[in-house]
Amino acid sequence: MKMIRAIIRPDKAEKVVDSLAESGHVALTKIDVIGRGKQKGIQLDQIYYDELPKVMLMLVTEDKETSNIVDLITQSAFTGNFGDGKIFISPVDDAFTVRTRSKGL
């Protein structure tokens, strides 16, 4: 299993969530976050924004689905501008459902 963490623009979050749901990936966690990337914020007129609002989507999937999900996210979140986001993929050793105490996804 893999955990996918995608940090994307807030205005693209619903489009990404919808495209994931349409492809059968409905289970995820969506968190409002604040941060900055390599560009170290942005400057608009005389105002410098050091950290920007983003949305982090977290989902766990089987290894074979990882590349498909990454493709969906990159296509749905793309604007072509700095700050489109970043995707991180990590291994997941186990998952447990609290209600049923069952192991696995």
Protein backbone atom coordinates (compact mmCIF):
# COMPACT_ATOMS: atom_id res chain seq x y z
CA MET A 1 0.00 0.00 0.00
CA LYS A 2 1.02 3.60 -0.57
CA MET A 3 0.00 6.89 0.99
CA ILE A 4 -0.32 9.74 -1.46
CA ARG A 5 -0.15 13.29 -0.12
CA ALA A 6 -0.96 15.94 -2.70
CA ILE A 7 -0.58 19.62 -1.85
CA ILE A 8 -2.53 21.63 -4.41
CA ARG A 9 -4.11 25.02 -5.06
CA PRO A 10 -7.39 25.52 -3.14
CA ASP A 11 -9.26 26.45 -6.32
CA LYS A 12 -8.34 23.09 -7.88
CA ALA A 13 -9.29 20.90 -4.89
CA GLU A 14 -12.87 20.14 -5.93
CA LYS A 15 -11.84 19.33 -9.49
CA VAL A 16 -9.21 16.90 -8.21
CA VAL A 17 -11.60 15.30 -5.70
CA ASP A 18 -14.27 14.92 -8.39
CA SER A 19 -11.86 13.31 -10.86
CA LEU A 20 -10.66 10.88 -8.19
CA ALA A 21 -14.25 9.98 -7.28
CA GLU A 22 -15.20 9.45 -10.94
CA SER A 23 -12.35 6.96 -11.27
CA GLY A 24 -13.43 5.06 -8.14
CA HIS A 25 -11.08 6.60 -5.57
CA VAL A 26 -13.58 8.11 -3.13
CA ALA A 27 -11.80 7.62 0.21
CA LEU A 28 -9.54 10.55 1.08
CA THR A 29 -8.81 13.20 3.68
CA LYS A 30 -8.83 16.88 2.72
CA ILE A 31 -6.99 19.39 4.92
CA ASP A 32 -6.57 23.15 4.55
CA VAL A 33 -2.88 23.94 5.00
CA ILE A 34 -0.55 26.92 4.67
CA GLY A 35 2.96 26.80 3.30
CA ARG A 36 5.39 27.76 0.62
CA GLY A 37 7.40 26.02 -2.04
CA LYS A 38 10.60 26.77 -3.88
CA GLN A 39 9.34 30.18 -4.94
CA LYS A 40 9.29 31.23 -1.23
CA GLY A 41 5.92 32.97 -1.50
CA ILE A 42 4.76 35.63 -3.92
CA GLN A 43 4.77 39.41 -4.20
CA LEU A 44 1.72 41.29 -5.48
CA ASP A 45 2.30 45.01 -5.83
CA GLN A 46 3.90 46.10 -2.54
CA ILE A 47 2.64 43.13 -0.52
CA TYR A 48 4.79 40.02 -0.02
CA TYR A 49 2.98 36.79 0.90
CA ASP A 50 5.49 34.51 2.61
CA GLU A 51 3.10 31.57 3.00
CA LEU A 52 0.11 30.69 0.85
CA PRO A 53 -3.09 28.72 1.47
CA LYS A 54 -3.12 25.23 -0.06
CA VAL A 55 -5.14 22.04 0.28
CA MET A 56 -3.57 18.70 1.17
CA LEU A 57 -5.28 15.55 -0.01
CA MET A 58 -4.26 12.29 1.63
CA LEU A 59 -5.27 8.87 0.40
CA VAL A 60 -4.05 5.32 0.76
CA THR A 61 -4.20 2.95 -2.17
CA GLU A 62 -2.88 -0.33 -3.47
CA ASP A 63 0.55 -0.08 -5.10
CA LYS A 64 -0.80 -0.79 -8.60
CA GLU A 65 -3.19 2.21 -8.46
CA THR A 66 -0.54 4.76 -7.43
CA SER A 67 0.55 5.90 -10.88
CA ASN A 68 -3.06 6.22 -12.07
CA ILE A 69 -3.91 8.43 -9.08
CA VAL A 70 -0.81 10.59 -9.58
CA ASP A 71 -1.81 11.07 -13.23
CA LEU A 72 -5.36 12.07 -12.24
CA ILE A 73 -4.09 14.58 -9.69
CA THR A 74 -1.49 16.14 -11.97
CA GLN A 75 -3.98 16.51 -14.82
CA SER A 76 -6.75 17.94 -12.62
CA ALA A 77 -4.56 20.31 -10.60
CA PHE A 78 -2.46 21.66 -13.49
CA THR A 79 -2.49 25.38 -14.33
CA GLY A 80 1.06 25.67 -15.66
CA ASN A 81 2.01 28.28 -13.07
CA PHE A 82 4.34 28.20 -10.09
CA GLY A 83 2.55 26.83 -7.03
CA ASP A 84 0.51 24.14 -8.78
CA GLY A 85 1.56 21.75 -6.03
CA LYS A 86 3.58 18.73 -5.05
CA ILE A 87 2.80 15.03 -4.59
CA PHE A 88 4.54 12.83 -2.02
CA ILE A 89 4.26 9.03 -1.97
CA SER A 90 5.14 6.92 1.08
CA PRO A 91 4.85 3.23 1.89
CA VAL A 92 2.11 2.12 4.30
CA ASP A 93 2.79 -1.01 6.34
CA ASP A 94 -0.72 -1.60 7.66
CA ALA A 95 -4.17 -0.07 7.84
CA PHE A 96 -6.93 -0.87 10.33
CA THR A 97 -10.62 0.03 10.37
CA VAL A 98 -11.54 1.22 13.87
CA ARG A 99 -15.22 0.17 13.71
CA THR A 100 -14.64 -3.40 12.52
CA ARG A 101 -11.08 -3.80 13.77
CA SER A 102 -10.27 -5.35 10.38
CA LYS A 103 -6.87 -5.09 8.80
CA GLY A 104 -6.31 -3.73 5.27
CA LEU A 105 -7.99 -1.19 3.07
